[in-house]
């Protein structure tokens, strides 16, 4: 997921994506704790995607405040 792709989404779509990413991160942490996680790199990718979504949301909020 790239930041440029996220900028075309509405804030509501971004919030939905953020919720989905947080759920996925929770599931990945649970899998890791039980020893079932095979692709450990996915945890890092999900965290970074969530950060990108939060960044774009903050940028959109700043634009709306101007």
PDB file of N, CA and C in Angstrom:
ATOM      1  N   UNK A   1       0.844  -1.167   0.000  1.00  0.00           N
ATOM      2  CA  UNK A   1       0.000   0.000   0.000  1.00  0.00           C
ATOM      3  C   UNK A   1       0.894   1.237   0.000  1.00  0.00           C
ATOM      4  N   UNK A   2       0.601   2.141  -0.901  1.00  0.00           N
ATOM      5  CA  UNK A   2       1.405   3.353  -1.009  1.00  0.00           C
ATOM      6  C   UNK A   2       0.600   4.559  -0.533  1.00  0.00           C
ATOM      7  N   UNK A   3       1.304   5.549  -0.034  1.00  0.00           N
ATOM      8  CA  UNK A   3       0.647   6.747   0.478  1.00  0.00           C
ATOM      9  C   UNK A   3      -0.111   7.463  -0.633  1.00  0.00           C
ATOM     10  N   UNK A   4       0.413   7.428  -1.836  1.00  0.00           N
ATOM     11  CA  UNK A   4      -0.256   8.090  -2.965  1.00  0.00           C
ATOM     12  C   UNK A   4      -1.625   7.464  -3.226  1.00  0.00           C
ATOM     13  N   UNK A   5      -1.719   6.156  -3.098  1.00  0.00           N
ATOM     14  CA  UNK A   5      -3.001   5.466  -3.281  1.00  0.00           C
ATOM     15  C   UNK A   5      -3.982   5.858  -2.178  1.00  0.00           C
ATOM     16  N   UNK A   6      -3.466   6.032  -0.973  1.00  0.00           N
ATOM     17  CA  UNK A   6      -4.327   6.356   0.162  1.00  0.00           C
ATOM     18  C   UNK A   6      -4.897   7.763   0.072  1.00  0.00           C
ATOM     19  N   UNK A   7      -4.167   8.668  -0.535  1.00  0.00           N
ATOM     20  CA  UNK A   7      -4.610  10.059  -0.600  1.00  0.00           C
ATOM     21  C   UNK A   7      -5.886  10.224  -1.415  1.00  0.00           C
ATOM     22  N   UNK A   8      -6.178   9.285  -2.298  1.00  0.00           N
ATOM     23  CA  UNK A   8      -7.385   9.387  -3.114  1.00  0.00           C
ATOM     24  C   UNK A   8      -8.622   8.897  -2.366  1.00  0.00           C
ATOM     25  N   UNK A   9      -8.431   8.260  -1.216  1.00  0.00           N
ATOM     26  CA  UNK A   9      -9.563   7.758  -0.432  1.00  0.00           C
ATOM     27  C   UNK A   9     -10.162   8.845   0.443  1.00  0.00           C
ATOM     28  N   UNK A  10     -11.421   8.631   0.814  1.00  0.00           N
ATOM     29  CA  UNK A  10     -12.078   9.555   1.730  1.00  0.00           C
ATOM     30  C   UNK A  10     -11.645   9.236   3.156  1.00  0.00           C
ATOM     31  N   UNK A  11     -11.801  10.183   4.073  1.00  0.00           N
ATOM     32  CA  UNK A  11     -11.433   9.907   5.471  1.00  0.00           C
ATOM     33  C   UNK A  11     -12.181   8.701   6.051  1.00  0.00           C
ATOM     34  N   UNK A  12     -13.429   8.524   5.658  1.00  0.00           N
ATOM     35  CA  UNK A  12     -14.197   7.381   6.169  1.00  0.00           C
ATOM     36  C   UNK A  12     -13.600   6.060   5.678  1.00  0.00           C
ATOM     37  N   UNK A  13     -13.198   6.008   4.423  1.00  0.00           N
ATOM     38  CA  UNK A  13     -12.561   4.802   3.886  1.00  0.00           C
ATOM     39  C   UNK A  13     -11.238   4.538   4.598  1.00  0.00           C
ATOM     40  N   UNK A  14     -10.509   5.595   4.887  1.00  0.00           N
ATOM     41  CA  UNK A  14      -9.237   5.447   5.587  1.00  0.00           C
ATOM     42  C   UNK A  14      -9.443   4.899   6.997  1.00  0.00           C
ATOM     43  N   UNK A  15     -10.481   5.381   7.676  1.00  0.00           N
ATOM     44  CA  UNK A  15     -10.759   4.870   9.022  1.00  0.00           C
ATOM     45  C   UNK A  15     -11.129   3.388   8.978  1.00  0.00           C
ATOM     46  N   UNK A  16     -11.890   2.988   7.964  1.00  0.00           N
ATOM     47  CA  UNK A  16     -12.252   1.577   7.810  1.00  0.00           C
ATOM     48  C   UNK A  16     -11.006   0.729   7.567  1.00  0.00           C
ATOM     49  N   UNK A  17     -10.091   1.230   6.746  1.00  0.00           N
ATOM     50  CA  UNK A  17      -8.854   0.508   6.488  1.00  0.00           C
ATOM     51  C   UNK A  17      -8.023   0.392   7.766  1.00  0.00           C
ATOM     52  N   UNK A  18      -8.007   1.452   8.548  1.00  0.00           N
ATOM     53  CA  UNK A  18      -7.243   1.441   9.797  1.00  0.00           C
ATOM     54  C   UNK A  18      -7.803   0.401  10.768  1.00  0.00           C
ATOM     55  N   UNK A  19      -9.115   0.319  10.859  1.00  0.00           N
ATOM     56  CA  UNK A  19      -9.736  -0.687  11.733  1.00  0.00           C
ATOM     57  C   UNK A  19      -9.376  -2.089  11.258  1.00  0.00           C
ATOM     58  N   UNK A  20      -9.421  -2.313   9.947  1.00  0.00           N
ATOM     59  CA  UNK A  20      -9.080  -3.628   9.402  1.00  0.00           C
ATOM     60  C   UNK A  20      -7.621  -3.975   9.680  1.00  0.00           C
ATOM     61  N   UNK A  21      -6.735  -2.996   9.544  1.00  0.00           N
ATOM     62  CA  UNK A  21      -5.319  -3.238   9.804  1.00  0.00           C
ATOM     63  C   UNK A  21      -5.064  -3.535  11.277  1.00  0.00           C
ATOM     64  N   UNK A  22      -5.777  -2.847  12.161  1.00  0.00           N
ATOM     65  CA  UNK A  22      -5.604  -3.105  13.590  1.00  0.00           C
ATOM     66  C   UNK A  22      -6.090  -4.507  13.949  1.00  0.00           C
ATOM     67  N   UNK A  23      -7.182  -4.943  13.333  1.00  0.00           N
ATOM     68  CA  UNK A  23      -7.670  -6.300  13.577  1.00  0.00           C
ATOM     69  C   UNK A  23      -6.656  -7.329  13.085  1.00  0.00           C
ATOM     70  N   UNK A  24      -6.104  -7.076  11.913  1.00  0.00           N
ATOM     71  CA  UNK A  24      -5.104  -7.993  11.371  1.00  0.00           C
ATOM     72  C   UNK A  24      -3.866  -8.044  12.268  1.00  0.00           C
ATOM     73  N   UNK A  25      -3.433  -6.890  12.772  1.00  0.00           N
ATOM     74  CA  UNK A  25      -2.273  -6.851  13.653  1.00  0.00           C
ATOM     75  C   UNK A  25      -2.546  -7.643  14.929  1.00  0.00           C
ATOM     76  N   UNK A  26      -3.752  -7.518  15.461  1.00  0.00           N
ATOM     77  CA  UNK A  26      -4.119  -8.282  16.652  1.00  0.00           C
ATOM     78  C   UNK A  26      -4.043  -9.782  16.373  1.00  0.00           C
ATOM     79  N   UNK A  27      -4.611 -10.200  15.252  1.00  0.00           N
ATOM     80  CA  UNK A  27      -4.584 -11.620  14.897  1.00  0.00           C
ATOM     81  C   UNK A  27      -3.159 -12.126  14.695  1.00  0.00           C
ATOM     82  N   UNK A  28      -2.315 -11.302  14.092  1.00  0.00           N
ATOM     83  CA  UNK A  28      -0.926 -11.702  13.886  1.00  0.00           C
ATOM     84  C   UNK A  28      -0.185 -11.840  15.213  1.00  0.00           C
ATOM     85  N   UNK A  29      -0.434 -10.926  16.139  1.00  0.00           N
ATOM     86  CA  UNK A  29       0.198 -11.022  17.458  1.00  0.00           C
ATOM     87  C   UNK A  29      -0.254 -12.285  18.185  1.00  0.00           C
ATOM     88  N   UNK A  30      -1.532 -12.609  18.042  1.00  0.00           N
ATOM     89  CA  UNK A  30      -2.061 -13.811  18.677  1.00  0.00           C
ATOM     90  C   UNK A  30      -1.419 -15.056  18.067  1.00  0.00           C
ATOM     91  N   UNK A  31      -1.275 -15.077  16.754  1.00  0.00           N
ATOM     92  CA  UNK A  31      -0.638 -16.210  16.083  1.00  0.00           C
ATOM     93  C   UNK A  31       0.820 -16.347  16.520  1.00  0.00           C
ATOM     94  N   UNK A  32       1.504 -15.228  16.680  1.00  0.00           N
ATOM     95  CA  UNK A  32       2.897 -15.279  17.101  1.00  0.00           C
ATOM     96  C   UNK A  32       3.021 -15.837  18.515  1.00  0.00           C
ATOM     97  N   UNK A  33       2.108 -15.437  19.381  1.00  0.00           N
ATOM     98  CA  UNK A  33       2.157 -15.900  20.762  1.00  0.00           C
ATOM     99  C   UNK A  33       1.911 -17.401  20.869  1.00  0.00           C
ATOM    100  N   UNK A  34       1.109 -17.935  19.962  1.00  0.00           N
ATOM    101  CA  UNK A  34       0.814 -19.367  19.998  1.00  0.00           C
ATOM    102  C   UNK A  34       1.746 -20.175  19.113  1.00  0.00           C
ATOM    103  N   UNK A  35       2.675 -19.501  18.453  1.00  0.00           N
ATOM    104  CA  UNK A  35       3.648 -20.201  17.623  1.00  0.00           C
ATOM    105  C   UNK A  35       3.128 -20.617  16.263  1.00  0.00           C
ATOM    106  N   UNK A  36       2.047 -20.018  15.811  1.00  0.00           N
ATOM    107  CA  UNK A  36       1.457 -20.389  14.533  1.00  0.00           C
ATOM    108  C   UNK A  36       1.827 -19.446  13.395  1.00  0.00           C
ATOM    109  N   UNK A  37       2.506 -18.360  13.699  1.00  0.00           N
ATOM    110  CA  UNK A  37       2.818 -17.356  12.690  1.00  0.00           C
ATOM    111  C   UNK A  37       3.959 -17.836  11.802  1.00  0.00           C
ATOM    112  N   UNK A  38       3.712 -17.873  10.499  1.00  0.00           N
ATOM    113  CA  UNK A  38       4.729 -18.329   9.551  1.00  0.00           C
ATOM    114  C   UNK A  38       5.452 -17.159   8.890  1.00  0.00           C
ATOM    115  N   UNK A  39       4.701 -16.116   8.526  1.00  0.00           N
ATOM    116  CA  UNK A  39       5.286 -14.979   7.828  1.00  0.00           C
ATOM    117  C   UNK A  39       5.438 -13.815   8.810  1.00  0.00           C
ATOM    118  N   UNK A  40       6.579 -13.747   9.473  1.00  0.00           N
ATOM    119  CA  UNK A  40       6.782 -12.706  10.480  1.00  0.00           C
ATOM    120  C   UNK A  40       6.924 -11.321   9.855  1.00  0.00           C
ATOM    121  N   UNK A  41       7.295 -11.243   8.602  1.00  0.00           N
ATOM    122  CA  UNK A  41       7.448  -9.947   7.932  1.00  0.00           C
ATOM    123  C   UNK A  41       6.098  -9.250   7.754  1.00  0.00           C
ATOM    124  N   UNK A  42       5.017 -10.016   7.781  1.00  0.00           N
ATOM    125  CA  UNK A  42       3.688  -9.427   7.621  1.00  0.00           C
ATOM    126  C   UNK A  42       3.355  -8.491   8.782  1.00  0.00           C
ATOM    127  N   UNK A  43       3.858  -8.801   9.978  1.00  0.00           N
ATOM    128  CA  UNK A  43       3.603  -7.936  11.134  1.00  0.00           C
ATOM    129  C   UNK A  43       4.172  -6.542  10.893  1.00  0.00           C
ATOM    130  N   UNK A  44       5.376  -6.492  10.384  1.00  0.00           N
ATOM    131  CA  UNK A  44       6.017  -5.205  10.111  1.00  0.00           C
ATOM    132  C   UNK A  44       5.261  -4.452   9.025  1.00  0.00           C
ATOM    133  N   UNK A  45       4.832  -5.158   7.995  1.00  0.00           N
ATOM    134  CA  UNK A  45       4.114  -4.515   6.891  1.00  0.00           C
ATOM    135  C   UNK A  45       2.782  -3.939   7.369  1.00  0.00           C
ATOM    136  N   UNK A  46       2.087  -4.667   8.219  1.00  0.00           N
ATOM    137  CA  UNK A  46       0.795  -4.195   8.725  1.00  0.00           C
ATOM    138  C   UNK A  46       0.989  -2.960   9.597  1.00  0.00           C
ATOM    139  N   UNK A  47       2.011  -2.976  10.465  1.00  0.00           N
ATOM    140  CA  UNK A  47       2.284  -1.799  11.308  1.00  0.00           C
ATOM    141  C   UNK A  47       2.582  -0.575  10.453  1.00  0.00           C
ATOM    142  N   UNK A  48       3.383  -0.764   9.427  1.00  0.00           N
ATOM    143  CA  UNK A  48       3.747   0.372   8.570  1.00  0.00           C
ATOM    144  C   UNK A  48       2.557   0.872   7.762  1.00  0.00           C
ATOM    145  N   UNK A  49       1.717  -0.042   7.278  1.00  0.00           N
ATOM    146  CA  UNK A  49       0.516   0.366   6.552  1.00  0.00           C
ATOM    147  C   UNK A  49      -0.411   1.174   7.450  1.00  0.00           C
ATOM    148  N   UNK A  50      -0.556   0.738   8.698  1.00  0.00           N
ATOM    149  CA  UNK A  50      -1.392   1.472   9.643  1.00  0.00           C
ATOM    150  C   UNK A  50      -0.826   2.878   9.877  1.00  0.00           C
ATOM    151  N   UNK A  51       0.477   2.982   9.971  1.00  0.00           N
ATOM    152  CA  UNK A  51       1.113   4.292  10.160  1.00  0.00           C
ATOM    153  C   UNK A  51       0.883   5.186   8.946  1.00  0.00           C
ATOM    154  N   UNK A  52       0.941   4.598   7.757  1.00  0.00           N
ATOM    155  CA  UNK A  52       0.679   5.383   6.541  1.00  0.00           C
ATOM    156  C   UNK A  52      -0.750   5.915   6.532  1.00  0.00           C
ATOM    157  N   UNK A  53      -1.694   5.063   6.912  1.00  0.00           N
ATOM    158  CA  UNK A  53      -3.100   5.482   6.945  1.00  0.00           C
ATOM    159  C   UNK A  53      -3.276   6.609   7.951  1.00  0.00           C
ATOM    160  N   UNK A  54      -2.675   6.479   9.130  1.00  0.00           N
ATOM    161  CA  UNK A  54      -2.778   7.530  10.147  1.00  0.00           C
ATOM    162  C   UNK A  54      -2.172   8.836   9.658  1.00  0.00           C
ATOM    163  N   UNK A  55      -1.056   8.755   8.955  1.00  0.00           N
ATOM    164  CA  UNK A  55      -0.398   9.953   8.439  1.00  0.00           C
ATOM    165  C   UNK A  55      -1.286  10.668   7.434  1.00  0.00           C
ATOM    166  N   UNK A  56      -1.878   9.919   6.516  1.00  0.00           N
ATOM    167  CA  UNK A  56      -2.741  10.522   5.502  1.00  0.00           C
ATOM    168  C   UNK A  56      -3.987  11.117   6.162  1.00  0.00           C
ATOM    169  N   UNK A  57      -4.534  10.442   7.165  1.00  0.00           N
ATOM    170  CA  UNK A  57      -5.686  10.989   7.892  1.00  0.00           C
ATOM    171  C   UNK A  57      -5.341  12.319   8.553  1.00  0.00           C
ATOM    172  N   UNK A  58      -4.172  12.383   9.157  1.00  0.00           N
ATOM    173  CA  UNK A  58      -3.738  13.621   9.805  1.00  0.00           C
ATOM    174  C   UNK A  58      -3.550  14.739   8.783  1.00  0.00           C
ATOM    175  N   UNK A  59      -2.984  14.401   7.631  1.00  0.00           N
ATOM    176  CA  UNK A  59      -2.797  15.394   6.582  1.00  0.00           C
ATOM    177  C   UNK A  59      -4.124  15.917   6.070  1.00  0.00           C
ATOM    178  N   UNK A  60      -5.092  15.021   5.905  1.00  0.00           N
ATOM    179  CA  UNK A  60      -6.417  15.445   5.433  1.00  0.00           C
ATOM    180  C   UNK A  60      -7.101  16.324   6.468  1.00  0.00           C
ATOM    181  N   UNK A  61      -6.918  16.006   7.747  1.00  0.00           N
ATOM    182  CA  UNK A  61      -7.513  16.819   8.804  1.00  0.00           C
ATOM    183  C   UNK A  61      -6.895  18.210   8.843  1.00  0.00           C
ATOM    184  N   UNK A  62      -5.593  18.280   8.611  1.00  0.00           N
ATOM    185  CA  UNK A  62      -4.904  19.575   8.590  1.00  0.00           C
ATOM    186  C   UNK A  62      -5.376  20.422   7.413  1.00  0.00           C
ATOM    187  N   UNK A  63      -5.575  19.775   6.261  1.00  0.00           N
ATOM    188  CA  UNK A  63      -6.081  20.512   5.094  1.00  0.00           C
ATOM    189  C   UNK A  63      -7.488  21.049   5.348  1.00  0.00           C
ATOM    190  N   UNK A  64      -8.325  20.248   5.995  1.00  0.00           N
ATOM    191  CA  UNK A  64      -9.687  20.662   6.266  1.00  0.00           C
ATOM    192  C   UNK A  64      -9.737  21.809   7.277  1.00  0.00           C
ATOM    193  N   UNK A  65      -8.752  21.865   8.156  1.00  0.00           N
ATOM    194  CA  UNK A  65      -8.727  22.919   9.166  1.00  0.00           C
ATOM    195  C   UNK A  65      -8.317  24.273   8.598  1.00  0.00           C
ATOM    196  N   UNK A  66      -7.678  24.258   7.458  1.00  0.00           N
ATOM    197  CA  UNK A  66      -7.218  25.531   6.868  1.00  0.00           C
ATOM    198  C   UNK A  66      -8.336  26.303   6.243  1.00  0.00           C
TER     199      UNK A  66
END
